[in-house]
Each structure stands twice: as C-alpha cells, then as structure tokens.
Amino acid sequence: QGWFKDTLPNAPADLKIAILRLDGDWYQSTLDCLEHLFDKIVPGGLVIIDDYLDWDGCSRAVHDFLSSHKASEAIRQSRFGGVSYIVKRAPETSDA
C-alpha cells in the first residue's frame, strides 16, 4: 500500500515475476515500476502495459527505460487490438 516510488524499493530481492501488468497511467509511475521490477521478470515473462496507447507519459516512460538500459526488447501489440506488451529476453552471455 502506498506510492510506487515508496513501496517498490522494498520488494524482496529474490522476487521472480512471470507476468507484470502495469497500470500506472503516468510517466513517473510507469518508470518507477520498470526501474524496480523489470530485472525481476524471468526470461520469457510478460510486461503488459495497459496505458501505452492511451497516455503519452506512459509510452515515453517505456521508451526512456528501454533506451537508458540498452534493452533489446520490443514493444508488441496484440493482433486483437489494444494490448501492448513486452516479452523479457534472456540476458545475453559472452563467450569470452
């Protein structure tokens, strides 16, 4: 209970998320969720972004987060309309 910025830093370090549904509407709320929870999503896990097509702040936060983290995930759209989502990729490994 509380604001994302105040509660998400307290999420358990070993938390593993298969499906994360974001419904924060605004830029900072969406960014806070991604900053604190994206690394906890398992490879192949989904991030469903409710407001991506409806609120510019939400879509900007998603793009800013992916860009600043040099994330290779793509934002996808359901072929049935209206649902935006990301499929988390496995971390790239180095053969060196």
C-alpha atoms as a PDB file:
ATOM      1  CA  GLN A   1       0.000   0.000   0.000  1.00  0.00           C
ATOM      2  CA  GLY A   2       1.350   3.415  -0.927  1.00  0.00           C
ATOM      3  CA  TRP A   3       3.062   5.182  -3.807  1.00  0.00           C
ATOM      4  CA  PHE A   4       5.130   3.091  -6.216  1.00  0.00           C
ATOM      5  CA  LYS A   5       8.245   5.164  -5.513  1.00  0.00           C
ATOM      6  CA  ASP A   6       7.926   4.452  -1.799  1.00  0.00           C
ATOM      7  CA  THR A   7       6.911   0.794  -1.815  1.00  0.00           C
ATOM      8  CA  LEU A   8       8.689  -0.820  -4.770  1.00  0.00           C
ATOM      9  CA  PRO A   9      12.232  -0.351  -3.413  1.00  0.00           C
ATOM     10  CA  ASN A  10      11.158  -2.712  -0.614  1.00  0.00           C
ATOM     11  CA  ALA A  11      10.265  -5.574  -2.972  1.00  0.00           C
ATOM     12  CA  PRO A  12      12.046  -8.802  -2.000  1.00  0.00           C
ATOM     13  CA  ALA A  13      15.424  -9.146  -3.710  1.00  0.00           C
ATOM     14  CA  ASP A  14      14.668 -12.730  -4.739  1.00  0.00           C
ATOM     15  CA  LEU A  15      11.233 -11.918  -6.212  1.00  0.00           C
ATOM     16  CA  LYS A  16      10.651 -13.560  -9.604  1.00  0.00           C
ATOM     17  CA  ILE A  17       7.856 -12.252 -11.809  1.00  0.00           C
ATOM     18  CA  ALA A  18       6.290 -14.128 -14.742  1.00  0.00           C
ATOM     19  CA  ILE A  19       3.597 -11.561 -15.595  1.00  0.00           C
ATOM     20  CA  LEU A  20       3.782  -7.896 -14.681  1.00  0.00           C
ATOM     21  CA  ARG A  21       0.784  -5.765 -15.520  1.00  0.00           C
ATOM     22  CA  LEU A  22       1.459  -2.036 -15.443  1.00  0.00           C
ATOM     23  CA  ASP A  23      -1.439   0.350 -14.940  1.00  0.00           C
ATOM     24  CA  GLY A  24       0.313   3.425 -13.597  1.00  0.00           C
ATOM     25  CA  ASP A  25      -1.030   5.822 -16.257  1.00  0.00           C
ATOM     26  CA  TRP A  26       1.637   8.482 -15.882  1.00  0.00           C
ATOM     27  CA  TYR A  27       5.300   8.826 -16.773  1.00  0.00           C
ATOM     28  CA  GLN A  28       6.845   8.615 -13.305  1.00  0.00           C
ATOM     29  CA  SER A  29       4.567   5.838 -12.073  1.00  0.00           C
ATOM     30  CA  THR A  30       5.358   3.691 -15.104  1.00  0.00           C
ATOM     31  CA  LEU A  31       9.074   4.455 -14.887  1.00  0.00           C
ATOM     32  CA  ASP A  32       9.169   3.627 -11.155  1.00  0.00           C
ATOM     33  CA  CYS A  33       7.588   0.232 -11.820  1.00  0.00           C
ATOM     34  CA  LEU A  34      10.008  -0.585 -14.617  1.00  0.00           C
ATOM     35  CA  GLU A  35      13.050   0.624 -12.680  1.00  0.00           C
ATOM     36  CA  HIS A  36      12.257  -1.540  -9.669  1.00  0.00           C
ATOM     37  CA  LEU A  37      10.632  -4.597 -11.224  1.00  0.00           C
ATOM     38  CA  PHE A  38      11.970  -5.195 -14.751  1.00  0.00           C
ATOM     39  CA  ASP A  39      15.067  -7.058 -13.550  1.00  0.00           C
ATOM     40  CA  LYS A  40      12.826  -9.352 -11.504  1.00  0.00           C
ATOM     41  CA  ILE A  41      10.940 -10.570 -14.581  1.00  0.00           C
ATOM     42  CA  VAL A  42      12.010 -14.045 -15.672  1.00  0.00           C
ATOM     43  CA  PRO A  43      13.175 -14.627 -19.262  1.00  0.00           C
ATOM     44  CA  GLY A  44      10.074 -15.178 -21.364  1.00  0.00           C
ATOM     45  CA  GLY A  45       7.972 -13.263 -18.827  1.00  0.00           C
ATOM     46  CA  LEU A  46       5.465 -10.654 -19.946  1.00  0.00           C
ATOM     47  CA  VAL A  47       5.105  -6.986 -19.156  1.00  0.00           C
ATOM     48  CA  ILE A  48       1.590  -5.905 -20.072  1.00  0.00           C
ATOM     49  CA  ILE A  49       1.349  -2.122 -20.388  1.00  0.00           C
ATOM     50  CA  ASP A  50      -2.267  -1.006 -20.028  1.00  0.00           C
ATOM     51  CA  ASP A  51      -1.851   2.667 -20.881  1.00  0.00           C
ATOM     52  CA  TYR A  52       0.822   2.511 -23.580  1.00  0.00           C
ATOM     53  CA  LEU A  53      -1.507   3.578 -26.399  1.00  0.00           C
ATOM     54  CA  ASP A  54      -3.624   5.915 -24.269  1.00  0.00           C
ATOM     55  CA  TRP A  55      -1.196   8.104 -22.314  1.00  0.00           C
ATOM     56  CA  ASP A  56       1.873   9.769 -23.824  1.00  0.00           C
ATOM     57  CA  GLY A  57       3.606   9.821 -20.444  1.00  0.00           C
ATOM     58  CA  CYS A  58       3.296   6.059 -20.134  1.00  0.00           C
ATOM     59  CA  SER A  59       4.672   5.340 -23.600  1.00  0.00           C
ATOM     60  CA  ARG A  60       7.506   7.840 -23.086  1.00  0.00           C
ATOM     61  CA  ALA A  61       8.454   6.160 -19.809  1.00  0.00           C
ATOM     62  CA  VAL A  62       8.603   2.748 -21.502  1.00  0.00           C
ATOM     63  CA  HIS A  63      10.771   4.089 -24.323  1.00  0.00           C
ATOM     64  CA  ASP A  64      13.021   6.044 -21.948  1.00  0.00           C
ATOM     65  CA  PHE A  65      13.514   2.988 -19.735  1.00  0.00           C
ATOM     66  CA  LEU A  66      14.313   0.613 -22.593  1.00  0.00           C
ATOM     67  CA  SER A  67      16.670   3.150 -24.164  1.00  0.00           C
ATOM     68  CA  SER A  68      18.527   4.045 -20.973  1.00  0.00           C
ATOM     69  CA  HIS A  69      19.012   0.348 -20.127  1.00  0.00           C
ATOM     70  CA  LYS A  70      20.000  -0.521 -23.700  1.00  0.00           C
ATOM     71  CA  ALA A  71      17.299  -3.187 -23.575  1.00  0.00           C
ATOM     72  CA  SER A  72      16.680  -5.101 -26.773  1.00  0.00           C
ATOM     73  CA  GLU A  73      13.063  -5.959 -26.002  1.00  0.00           C
ATOM     74  CA  ALA A  74      10.454  -4.762 -28.477  1.00  0.00           C
ATOM     75  CA  ILE A  75       7.063  -3.315 -27.636  1.00  0.00           C
ATOM     76  CA  ARG A  76       4.470  -5.546 -29.212  1.00  0.00           C
ATOM     77  CA  GLN A  77       0.782  -5.106 -29.934  1.00  0.00           C
ATOM     78  CA  SER A  78      -1.843  -7.810 -29.673  1.00  0.00           C
ATOM     79  CA  ARG A  79      -3.316  -8.647 -33.038  1.00  0.00           C
ATOM     80  CA  PHE A  80      -6.713  -8.444 -31.348  1.00  0.00           C
ATOM     81  CA  GLY A  81      -6.123  -4.794 -30.551  1.00  0.00           C
ATOM     82  CA  GLY A  82      -5.417  -2.535 -27.646  1.00  0.00           C
ATOM     83  CA  VAL A  83      -2.934  -4.613 -25.668  1.00  0.00           C
ATOM     84  CA  SER A  84       0.715  -3.542 -25.596  1.00  0.00           C
ATOM     85  CA  TYR A  85       3.307  -5.850 -24.093  1.00  0.00           C
ATOM     86  CA  ILE A  86       6.975  -6.767 -23.857  1.00  0.00           C
ATOM     87  CA  VAL A  87       8.429 -10.271 -23.709  1.00  0.00           C
ATOM     88  CA  LYS A  88      11.529 -10.269 -21.479  1.00  0.00           C
ATOM     89  CA  ARG A  89      14.581 -11.697 -23.176  1.00  0.00           C
ATOM     90  CA  ALA A  90      17.205 -13.815 -21.507  1.00  0.00           C
ATOM     91  CA  PRO A  91      20.373 -11.904 -20.662  1.00  0.00           C
ATOM     92  CA  GLU A  92      22.978 -12.094 -23.359  1.00  0.00           C
ATOM     93  CA  THR A  93      26.012 -14.124 -22.407  1.00  0.00           C
ATOM     94  CA  SER A  94      29.561 -13.578 -23.502  1.00  0.00           C
ATOM     95  CA  ASP A  95      31.665 -16.405 -24.901  1.00  0.00           C
ATOM     96  CA  ALA A  96      34.856 -14.603 -23.911  1.00  0.00           C
END
